[in-house]
Amino acid sequence: MKKIPKFKDEDAEREFWATHDSTEYFDYSKGKGAIFPNLKPSLKPISLRMPESLIVHLKLLAKKRDVPYQSLMKMFLAEKIKEEFSS
C-alpha cells in the first residue's frame, strides 16, 4: 500500500482524493462494518390535505398518548405500511 501524504489543508486533501485511487492507499478487505445509532433519518416535509374532523380526532388521540399529533400520524402511517408489506 502507498503511504498517504500529509496535506497542508482540506482543499489540498480534497484535490488529492479527487485525482487518486483510494484502493492504492487502503486495504478495503480489512474494513469493518460500522453502526451509527445516533444518526437521524433524513426527513422531507410534505403538504397533506386532510378533513378537519380527521385532524381533530388525531389531535385528541395524540393528547391521550401525550405525543405530538404529527408524530402520532407518522406512527400510524408506519404501522399501516409495515402491515401492508407483510401481508
Protein backbone atom coordinates (compact mmCIF):
# COMPACT_ATOMS: atom_id res chain seq x y z
CA MET A 1 0.00 0.00 0.00
CA LYS A 2 1.15 3.52 -0.76
CA LYS A 3 1.65 5.95 2.10
CA ILE A 4 -0.92 8.76 2.41
CA PRO A 5 0.82 12.13 2.13
CA LYS A 6 0.47 14.94 4.66
CA PHE A 7 -1.87 17.70 3.47
CA LYS A 8 -1.50 21.40 4.18
CA ASP A 9 -5.28 21.89 4.32
CA GLU A 10 -8.61 20.29 3.45
CA ASP A 11 -8.59 21.76 -0.05
CA ALA A 12 -5.30 20.01 -0.81
CA GLU A 13 -6.63 16.74 0.58
CA ARG A 14 -9.86 17.08 -1.40
CA GLU A 15 -7.87 17.69 -4.60
CA PHE A 16 -5.63 14.70 -3.88
CA TRP A 17 -8.53 12.25 -3.40
CA ALA A 18 -10.32 13.62 -6.46
CA THR A 19 -7.33 12.64 -8.60
CA HIS A 20 -6.08 9.45 -6.92
CA ASP A 21 -7.46 5.94 -6.50
CA SER A 22 -8.03 5.20 -2.80
CA THR A 23 -7.57 1.44 -3.34
CA GLU A 24 -3.85 2.11 -3.69
CA TYR A 25 -3.84 3.56 -0.15
CA PHE A 26 -6.36 1.44 1.77
CA ASP A 27 -6.93 -2.30 2.03
CA TYR A 28 -10.72 -2.40 1.99
CA SER A 29 -10.77 -6.15 2.66
CA LYS A 30 -9.75 -5.37 6.25
CA GLY A 31 -12.60 -2.90 6.73
CA LYS A 32 -15.17 -3.44 9.45
CA GLY A 33 -18.86 -2.59 9.44
CA ALA A 34 -19.96 0.37 11.49
CA ILE A 35 -23.19 1.18 13.27
CA PHE A 36 -24.20 4.79 13.83
CA PRO A 37 -27.09 4.61 16.31
CA ASN A 38 -27.37 8.35 16.83
CA LEU A 39 -27.92 9.26 13.19
CA LYS A 40 -31.38 10.56 12.46
CA PRO A 41 -33.10 9.63 9.22
CA SER A 42 -33.44 12.34 6.64
CA LEU A 43 -36.84 13.97 6.79
CA LYS A 44 -38.71 15.57 3.95
CA PRO A 45 -41.59 17.92 4.69
CA ILE A 46 -44.79 17.35 2.74
CA SER A 47 -48.15 19.06 2.45
CA LEU A 48 -51.15 16.89 3.09
CA ARG A 49 -54.77 17.95 2.76
CA MET A 50 -56.98 16.23 5.32
CA PRO A 51 -60.53 16.79 6.54
CA GLU A 52 -60.57 18.98 9.64
CA SER A 53 -62.57 16.39 11.55
CA LEU A 54 -59.82 13.83 10.98
CA ILE A 55 -57.21 16.27 12.31
CA VAL A 56 -59.37 16.99 15.37
CA HIS A 57 -59.69 13.27 16.13
CA LEU A 58 -55.98 12.74 15.56
CA LYS A 59 -55.15 15.57 17.98
CA LEU A 60 -57.46 14.06 20.61
CA LEU A 61 -55.75 10.67 20.30
CA ALA A 62 -52.34 12.31 20.43
CA LYS A 63 -53.26 14.23 23.58
CA LYS A 64 -54.35 10.97 25.27
CA ARG A 65 -50.97 9.43 24.40
CA ASP A 66 -49.07 12.62 25.28
CA VAL A 67 -47.33 12.83 21.89
CA PRO A 68 -47.44 15.50 19.17
CA TYR A 69 -50.19 14.76 16.66
CA GLN A 70 -47.78 14.76 13.73
CA SER A 71 -45.65 12.13 15.47
CA LEU A 72 -48.74 10.03 16.08
CA MET A 73 -49.70 10.37 12.44
CA LYS A 74 -46.22 9.12 11.42
CA MET A 75 -46.55 6.19 13.83
CA PHE A 76 -49.95 5.22 12.42
CA LEU A 77 -48.70 5.52 8.86
CA ALA A 78 -45.56 3.46 9.58
CA GLU A 79 -47.65 0.73 11.25
CA LYS A 80 -50.04 0.53 8.30
CA ILE A 81 -47.22 0.43 5.75
CA LYS A 82 -45.48 -2.36 7.68
CA GLU A 83 -48.77 -4.26 7.85
CA GLU A 84 -49.36 -3.89 4.10
CA PHE A 85 -45.87 -5.10 3.22
CA SER A 86 -46.09 -8.13 5.50
CA SER A 87 -49.37 -9.39 4.04
